[in-house]
PDB file of all heavy atoms in Angstrom:
ATOM      1  N   PRO A   1      20.002  -2.507  -3.024  1.00  0.00           N
ATOM      2  CA  PRO A   1      19.192  -3.735  -3.010  1.00  0.00           C
ATOM      3  C   PRO A   1      17.935  -3.607  -3.860  1.00  0.00           C
ATOM      4  O   PRO A   1      17.508  -2.523  -4.238  1.00  0.00           O
ATOM      5  CB  PRO A   1      18.831  -3.893  -1.530  1.00  0.00           C
ATOM      6  CG  PRO A   1      18.841  -2.492  -0.995  1.00  0.00           C
ATOM      7  CD  PRO A   1      19.935  -1.785  -1.742  1.00  0.00           C
ATOM      8  N   THR A   2      17.355  -4.747  -4.136  1.00  0.00           N
ATOM      9  CA  THR A   2      16.094  -4.811  -4.870  1.00  0.00           C
ATOM     10  C   THR A   2      14.989  -4.090  -4.098  1.00  0.00           C
ATOM     11  O   THR A   2      14.935  -4.141  -2.877  1.00  0.00           O
ATOM     12  CB  THR A   2      15.696  -6.278  -5.100  1.00  0.00           C
ATOM     13  OG1 THR A   2      16.648  -6.877  -5.970  1.00  0.00           O
ATOM     14  CG2 THR A   2      14.306  -6.396  -5.702  1.00  0.00           C
ATOM     15  N   LEU A   3      14.126  -3.393  -4.836  1.00  0.00           N
ATOM     16  CA  LEU A   3      13.026  -2.662  -4.213  1.00  0.00           C
ATOM     17  C   LEU A   3      11.765  -2.839  -5.038  1.00  0.00           C
ATOM     18  O   LEU A   3      11.778  -2.656  -6.260  1.00  0.00           O
ATOM     19  CB  LEU A   3      13.365  -1.170  -4.106  1.00  0.00           C
ATOM     20  CG  LEU A   3      12.266  -0.257  -3.554  1.00  0.00           C
ATOM     21  CD1 LEU A   3      11.983  -0.590  -2.087  1.00  0.00           C
ATOM     22  CD2 LEU A   3      12.652   1.213  -3.714  1.00  0.00           C
ATOM     23  N   LYS A   4      10.685  -3.188  -4.375  1.00  0.00           N
ATOM     24  CA  LYS A   4       9.373  -3.269  -5.006  1.00  0.00           C
ATOM     25  C   LYS A   4       8.558  -2.054  -4.559  1.00  0.00           C
ATOM     26  O   LYS A   4       8.331  -1.861  -3.362  1.00  0.00           O
ATOM     27  CB  LYS A   4       8.645  -4.544  -4.594  1.00  0.00           C
ATOM     28  CG  LYS A   4       9.344  -5.831  -4.987  1.00  0.00           C
ATOM     29  CD  LYS A   4       9.312  -6.075  -6.479  1.00  0.00           C
ATOM     30  CE  LYS A   4       9.891  -7.430  -6.827  1.00  0.00           C
ATOM     31  NZ  LYS A   4       9.880  -7.687  -8.294  1.00  0.00           N
ATOM     32  N   VAL A   5       8.140  -1.231  -5.503  1.00  0.00           N
ATOM     33  CA  VAL A   5       7.336  -0.046  -5.191  1.00  0.00           C
ATOM     34  C   VAL A   5       5.883  -0.345  -5.542  1.00  0.00           C
ATOM     35  O   VAL A   5       5.542  -0.524  -6.711  1.00  0.00           O
ATOM     36  CB  VAL A   5       7.835   1.185  -5.972  1.00  0.00           C
ATOM     37  CG1 VAL A   5       7.036   2.424  -5.558  1.00  0.00           C
ATOM     38  CG2 VAL A   5       9.322   1.407  -5.750  1.00  0.00           C
ATOM     39  N   ASN A   6       5.048  -0.415  -4.529  1.00  0.00           N
ATOM     40  CA  ASN A   6       3.633  -0.745  -4.709  1.00  0.00           C
ATOM     41  C   ASN A   6       2.820   0.542  -4.818  1.00  0.00           C
ATOM     42  O   ASN A   6       2.688   1.290  -3.847  1.00  0.00           O
ATOM     43  CB  ASN A   6       3.143  -1.573  -3.521  1.00  0.00           C
ATOM     44  CG  ASN A   6       3.875  -2.892  -3.376  1.00  0.00           C
ATOM     45  OD1 ASN A   6       3.415  -3.923  -3.860  1.00  0.00           O
ATOM     46  ND2 ASN A   6       5.031  -2.870  -2.712  1.00  0.00           N
ATOM     47  N   TRP A   7       2.271   0.769  -6.009  1.00  0.00           N
ATOM     48  CA  TRP A   7       1.459   1.967  -6.242  1.00  0.00           C
ATOM     49  C   TRP A   7       0.227   1.583  -7.038  1.00  0.00           C
ATOM     50  O   TRP A   7       0.287   0.757  -7.955  1.00  0.00           O
ATOM     51  CB  TRP A   7       2.241   3.030  -6.994  1.00  0.00           C
ATOM     52  CG  TRP A   7       1.434   4.262  -7.286  1.00  0.00           C
ATOM     53  CD1 TRP A   7       1.242   5.332  -6.476  1.00  0.00           C
ATOM     54  CD2 TRP A   7       0.714   4.563  -8.504  1.00  0.00           C
ATOM     55  NE1 TRP A   7       0.448   6.278  -7.086  1.00  0.00           N
ATOM     56  CE2 TRP A   7       0.102   5.832  -8.328  1.00  0.00           C
ATOM     57  CE3 TRP A   7       0.523   3.882  -9.703  1.00  0.00           C
ATOM     58  CZ2 TRP A   7      -0.676   6.422  -9.316  1.00  0.00           C
ATOM     59  CZ3 TRP A   7      -0.266   4.468 -10.695  1.00  0.00           C
ATOM     60  CH2 TRP A   7      -0.846   5.734 -10.488  1.00  0.00           C
ATOM     61  N   SER A   8      -0.893   2.195  -6.685  1.00  0.00           N
ATOM     62  CA  SER A   8      -2.137   1.953  -7.410  1.00  0.00           C
ATOM     63  C   SER A   8      -3.058   3.146  -7.216  1.00  0.00           C
ATOM     64  O   SER A   8      -3.010   3.808  -6.169  1.00  0.00           O
ATOM     65  CB  SER A   8      -2.815   0.675  -6.900  1.00  0.00           C
ATOM     66  OG  SER A   8      -4.138   0.563  -7.408  1.00  0.00           O
ATOM     67  N   VAL A   9      -3.883   3.402  -8.207  1.00  0.00           N
ATOM     68  CA  VAL A   9      -4.899   4.449  -8.059  1.00  0.00           C
ATOM     69  C   VAL A   9      -5.928   4.048  -7.014  1.00  0.00           C
ATOM     70  O   VAL A   9      -6.745   4.870  -6.586  1.00  0.00           O
ATOM     71  CB  VAL A   9      -5.593   4.736  -9.404  1.00  0.00           C
ATOM     72  CG1 VAL A   9      -4.597   5.264 -10.419  1.00  0.00           C
ATOM     73  CG2 VAL A   9      -6.300   3.488  -9.941  1.00  0.00           C
ATOM     74  N   ASN A  10      -5.884   2.783  -6.583  1.00  0.00           N
ATOM     75  CA  ASN A  10      -6.803   2.296  -5.550  1.00  0.00           C
ATOM     76  C   ASN A  10      -6.213   2.364  -4.145  1.00  0.00           C
ATOM     77  O   ASN A  10      -6.910   2.055  -3.171  1.00  0.00           O
ATOM     78  CB  ASN A  10      -7.199   0.845  -5.850  1.00  0.00           C
ATOM     79  CG  ASN A  10      -7.891   0.688  -7.186  1.00  0.00           C
ATOM     80  OD1 ASN A  10      -8.825   1.421  -7.491  1.00  0.00           O
ATOM     81  ND2 ASN A  10      -7.440  -0.252  -7.991  1.00  0.00           N
ATOM     82  N   ASN A  11      -4.940   2.746  -4.028  1.00  0.00           N
ATOM     83  CA  ASN A  11      -4.307   2.782  -2.711  1.00  0.00           C
ATOM     84  C   ASN A  11      -4.825   3.963  -1.889  1.00  0.00           C
ATOM     85  O   ASN A  11      -4.611   5.127  -2.243  1.00  0.00           O
ATOM     86  CB  ASN A  11      -2.782   2.873  -2.861  1.00  0.00           C
ATOM     87  CG  ASN A  11      -2.167   1.538  -3.244  1.00  0.00           C
ATOM     88  OD1 ASN A  11      -2.860   0.528  -3.359  1.00  0.00           O
ATOM     89  ND2 ASN A  11      -0.862   1.530  -3.453  1.00  0.00           N
ATOM     90  N   LYS A  12      -5.493   3.642  -0.787  1.00  0.00           N
ATOM     91  CA  LYS A  12      -6.134   4.658   0.046  1.00  0.00           C
ATOM     92  C   LYS A  12      -5.688   4.517   1.507  1.00  0.00           C
ATOM     93  O   LYS A  12      -5.281   3.436   1.938  1.00  0.00           O
ATOM     94  CB  LYS A  12      -7.660   4.522  -0.034  1.00  0.00           C
ATOM     95  CG  LYS A  12      -8.225   4.676  -1.439  1.00  0.00           C
ATOM     96  CD  LYS A  12      -9.733   4.447  -1.448  1.00  0.00           C
ATOM     97  CE  LYS A  12     -10.294   4.582  -2.859  1.00  0.00           C
ATOM     98  NZ  LYS A  12     -11.757   4.348  -2.894  1.00  0.00           N
ATOM     99  N   PRO A  13      -5.803   5.602   2.281  1.00  0.00           N
ATOM    100  CA  PRO A  13      -5.421   5.548   3.702  1.00  0.00           C
ATOM    101  C   PRO A  13      -6.520   4.954   4.568  1.00  0.00           C
ATOM    102  O   PRO A  13      -7.087   5.620   5.448  1.00  0.00           O
ATOM    103  CB  PRO A  13      -5.164   7.020   4.025  1.00  0.00           C
ATOM    104  CG  PRO A  13      -6.098   7.764   3.134  1.00  0.00           C
ATOM    105  CD  PRO A  13      -6.142   6.968   1.853  1.00  0.00           C
ATOM    106  N   THR A  14      -6.853   3.706   4.281  1.00  0.00           N
ATOM    107  CA  THR A  14      -7.899   3.017   5.051  1.00  0.00           C
ATOM    108  C   THR A  14      -7.308   1.779   5.703  1.00  0.00           C
ATOM    109  O   THR A  14      -6.252   1.279   5.311  1.00  0.00           O
ATOM    110  CB  THR A  14      -9.071   2.617   4.144  1.00  0.00           C
ATOM    111  OG1 THR A  14      -8.576   1.822   3.050  1.00  0.00           O
ATOM    112  CG2 THR A  14      -9.767   3.832   3.578  1.00  0.00           C
ATOM    113  N   SER A  15      -7.988   1.273   6.711  1.00  0.00           N
ATOM    114  CA  SER A  15      -7.542   0.091   7.435  1.00  0.00           C
ATOM    115  C   SER A  15      -8.748  -0.808   7.713  1.00  0.00           C
ATOM    116  O   SER A  15      -9.900  -0.362   7.607  1.00  0.00           O
ATOM    117  CB  SER A  15      -6.855   0.507   8.747  1.00  0.00           C
ATOM    118  OG  SER A  15      -7.746   1.269   9.553  1.00  0.00           O
ATOM    119  N   PRO A  16      -8.533  -2.098   8.017  1.00  0.00           N
ATOM    120  CA  PRO A  16      -7.225  -2.727   8.229  1.00  0.00           C
ATOM    121  C   PRO A  16      -6.457  -2.910   6.923  1.00  0.00           C
ATOM    122  O   PRO A  16      -7.044  -2.855   5.845  1.00  0.00           O
ATOM    123  CB  PRO A  16      -7.592  -4.077   8.849  1.00  0.00           C
ATOM    124  CG  PRO A  16      -8.960  -4.370   8.296  1.00  0.00           C
ATOM    125  CD  PRO A  16      -9.647  -3.031   8.238  1.00  0.00           C
ATOM    126  N   PHE A  17      -5.158  -3.140   7.053  1.00  0.00           N
ATOM    127  CA  PHE A  17      -4.284  -3.253   5.888  1.00  0.00           C
ATOM    128  C   PHE A  17      -4.688  -4.430   5.005  1.00  0.00           C
ATOM    129  O   PHE A  17      -4.856  -5.553   5.471  1.00  0.00           O
ATOM    130  CB  PHE A  17      -2.834  -3.432   6.348  1.00  0.00           C
ATOM    131  CG  PHE A  17      -1.861  -3.587   5.213  1.00  0.00           C
ATOM    132  CD1 PHE A  17      -1.391  -2.476   4.530  1.00  0.00           C
ATOM    133  CD2 PHE A  17      -1.422  -4.847   4.823  1.00  0.00           C
ATOM    134  CE1 PHE A  17      -0.487  -2.620   3.484  1.00  0.00           C
ATOM    135  CE2 PHE A  17      -0.529  -4.998   3.775  1.00  0.00           C
ATOM    136  CZ  PHE A  17      -0.060  -3.877   3.108  1.00  0.00           C
ATOM    137  N   ASN A  18      -4.859  -4.141   3.717  1.00  0.00           N
ATOM    138  CA  ASN A  18      -5.150  -5.168   2.725  1.00  0.00           C
ATOM    139  C   ASN A  18      -4.608  -4.668   1.390  1.00  0.00           C
ATOM    140  O   ASN A  18      -5.272  -3.913   0.687  1.00  0.00           O
ATOM    141  CB  ASN A  18      -6.658  -5.440   2.632  1.00  0.00           C
ATOM    142  CG  ASN A  18      -6.982  -6.599   1.704  1.00  0.00           C
ATOM    143  OD1 ASN A  18      -6.298  -6.833   0.715  1.00  0.00           O
ATOM    144  ND2 ASN A  18      -8.043  -7.331   2.024  1.00  0.00           N
ATOM    145  N   ALA A  19      -3.381  -5.078   1.081  1.00  0.00           N
ATOM    146  CA  ALA A  19      -2.705  -4.562  -0.109  1.00  0.00           C
ATOM    147  C   ALA A  19      -3.472  -4.868  -1.385  1.00  0.00           C
ATOM    148  O   ALA A  19      -3.514  -4.048  -2.309  1.00  0.00           O
ATOM    149  CB  ALA A  19      -1.299  -5.147  -0.203  1.00  0.00           C
ATOM    150  N   ALA A  20      -4.090  -6.031  -1.462  1.00  0.00           N
ATOM    151  CA  ALA A  20      -4.782  -6.434  -2.683  1.00  0.00           C
ATOM    152  C   ALA A  20      -5.959  -5.537  -3.011  1.00  0.00           C
ATOM    153  O   ALA A  20      -6.308  -5.350  -4.179  1.00  0.00           O
ATOM    154  CB  ALA A  20      -5.249  -7.887  -2.559  1.00  0.00           C
ATOM    155  N   SER A  21      -6.575  -4.930  -1.991  1.00  0.00           N
ATOM    156  CA  SER A  21      -7.719  -4.053  -2.228  1.00  0.00           C
ATOM    157  C   SER A  21      -7.314  -2.583  -2.255  1.00  0.00           C
ATOM    158  O   SER A  21      -8.123  -1.718  -2.607  1.00  0.00           O
ATOM    159  CB  SER A  21      -8.778  -4.266  -1.148  1.00  0.00           C
ATOM    160  OG  SER A  21      -8.313  -3.796   0.106  1.00  0.00           O
ATOM    161  N   GLY A  22      -6.064  -2.279  -1.867  1.00  0.00           N
ATOM    162  CA  GLY A  22      -5.603  -0.893  -1.836  1.00  0.00           C
ATOM    163  C   GLY A  22      -5.710  -0.237  -0.481  1.00  0.00           C
ATOM    164  O   GLY A  22      -5.390   0.944  -0.338  1.00  0.00           O
ATOM    165  N   ALA A  23      -6.146  -0.965   0.523  1.00  0.00           N
ATOM    166  CA  ALA A  23      -6.220  -0.412   1.885  1.00  0.00           C
ATOM    167  C   ALA A  23      -4.834  -0.518   2.517  1.00  0.00           C
ATOM    168  O   ALA A  23      -4.493  -1.536   3.120  1.00  0.00           O
ATOM    169  CB  ALA A  23      -7.243  -1.181   2.709  1.00  0.00           C
ATOM    170  N   ILE A  24      -4.021   0.520   2.375  1.00  0.00           N
ATOM    171  CA  ILE A  24      -2.623   0.435   2.835  1.00  0.00           C
ATOM    172  C   ILE A  24      -2.361   1.312   4.057  1.00  0.00           C
ATOM    173  O   ILE A  24      -1.208   1.447   4.478  1.00  0.00           O
ATOM    174  CB  ILE A  24      -1.650   0.782   1.702  1.00  0.00           C
ATOM    175  CG1 ILE A  24      -1.779   2.240   1.278  1.00  0.00           C
ATOM    176  CG2 ILE A  24      -1.850  -0.147   0.503  1.00  0.00           C
ATOM    177  CD1 ILE A  24      -0.657   2.708   0.353  1.00  0.00           C
ATOM    178  N   THR A  25      -3.372   1.940   4.614  1.00  0.00           N
ATOM    179  CA  THR A  25      -3.271   2.755   5.824  1.00  0.00           C
ATOM    180  C   THR A  25      -2.560   4.078   5.575  1.00  0.00           C
ATOM    181  O   THR A  25      -3.089   5.153   5.865  1.00  0.00           O
ATOM    182  CB  THR A  25      -2.562   1.993   6.957  1.00  0.00           C
ATOM    183  OG1 THR A  25      -3.214   0.732   7.139  1.00  0.00           O
ATOM    184  CG2 THR A  25      -2.636   2.777   8.263  1.00  0.00           C
ATOM    185  N   THR A  26      -1.327   4.019   5.029  1.00  0.00           N
ATOM    186  CA  THR A  26      -0.564   5.214   4.687  1.00  0.00           C
ATOM    187  C   THR A  26       0.601   4.790   3.812  1.00  0.00           C
ATOM    188  O   THR A  26       0.819   3.592   3.589  1.00  0.00           O
ATOM    189  CB  THR A  26      -0.040   5.927   5.946  1.00  0.00           C
ATOM    190  OG1 THR A  26       0.569   7.175   5.576  1.00  0.00           O
ATOM    191  CG2 THR A  26       1.006   5.074   6.673  1.00  0.00           C
ATOM    192  N   SER A  27       1.366   5.740   3.305  1.00  0.00           N
ATOM    193  CA  SER A  27       2.587   5.402   2.570  1.00  0.00           C
ATOM    194  C   SER A  27       3.645   4.959   3.572  1.00  0.00           C
ATOM    195  O   SER A  27       3.835   5.601   4.606  1.00  0.00           O
ATOM    196  CB  SER A  27       3.092   6.608   1.781  1.00  0.00           C
ATOM    197  OG  SER A  27       2.160   6.990   0.787  1.00  0.00           O
ATOM    198  N   PHE A  28       4.339   3.852   3.267  1.00  0.00           N
ATOM    199  CA  PHE A  28       5.339   3.357   4.208  1.00  0.00           C
ATOM    200  C   PHE A  28       6.314   2.411   3.515  1.00  0.00           C
ATOM    201  O   PHE A  28       6.076   1.940   2.404  1.00  0.00           O
ATOM    202  CB  PHE A  28       4.661   2.639   5.379  1.00  0.00           C
ATOM    203  CG  PHE A  28       3.977   1.341   5.002  1.00  0.00           C
ATOM    204  CD1 PHE A  28       4.622   0.123   5.165  1.00  0.00           C
ATOM    205  CD2 PHE A  28       2.690   1.348   4.473  1.00  0.00           C
ATOM    206  CE1 PHE A  28       3.996  -1.068   4.811  1.00  0.00           C
ATOM    207  CE2 PHE A  28       2.055   0.165   4.127  1.00  0.00           C
ATOM    208  CZ  PHE A  28       2.710  -1.048   4.296  1.00  0.00           C
ATOM    209  N   PHE A  29       7.421   2.125   4.215  1.00  0.00           N
ATOM    210  CA  PHE A  29       8.456   1.207   3.748  1.00  0.00           C
ATOM    211  C   PHE A  29       8.508   0.022   4.698  1.00  0.00           C
ATOM    212  O   PHE A  29       8.368   0.180   5.911  1.00  0.00           O
ATOM    213  CB  PHE A  29       9.818   1.900   3.710  1.00  0.00           C
ATOM    214  CG  PHE A  29      10.975   0.975   3.433  1.00  0.00           C
ATOM    215  CD1 PHE A  29      11.245   0.545   2.145  1.00  0.00           C
ATOM    216  CD2 PHE A  29      11.791   0.534   4.476  1.00  0.00           C
ATOM    217  CE1 PHE A  29      12.306  -0.316   1.894  1.00  0.00           C
ATOM    218  CE2 PHE A  29      12.852  -0.329   4.230  1.00  0.00           C
ATOM    219  CZ  PHE A  29      13.113  -0.755   2.931  1.00  0.00           C
ATOM    220  N   THR A  30       8.719  -1.174   4.152  1.00  0.00           N
ATOM    221  CA  THR A  30       8.793  -2.362   4.993  1.00  0.00           C
ATOM    222  C   THR A  30       9.728  -3.384   4.367  1.00  0.00           C
ATOM    223  O   THR A  30       9.985  -3.357   3.157  1.00  0.00           O
ATOM    224  CB  THR A  30       7.395  -2.987   5.186  1.00  0.00           C
ATOM    225  OG1 THR A  30       7.484  -4.071   6.103  1.00  0.00           O
ATOM    226  CG2 THR A  30       6.823  -3.490   3.868  1.00  0.00           C
TER     227      THR A  30
END
């Protein structure tokens, strides 16, 4: 199936989750 891999030098283990700012909590699949 189709897969979108979201990666950025701004992606950090911070919360709450906000993909646009890079706050992704941790690496995960959804």
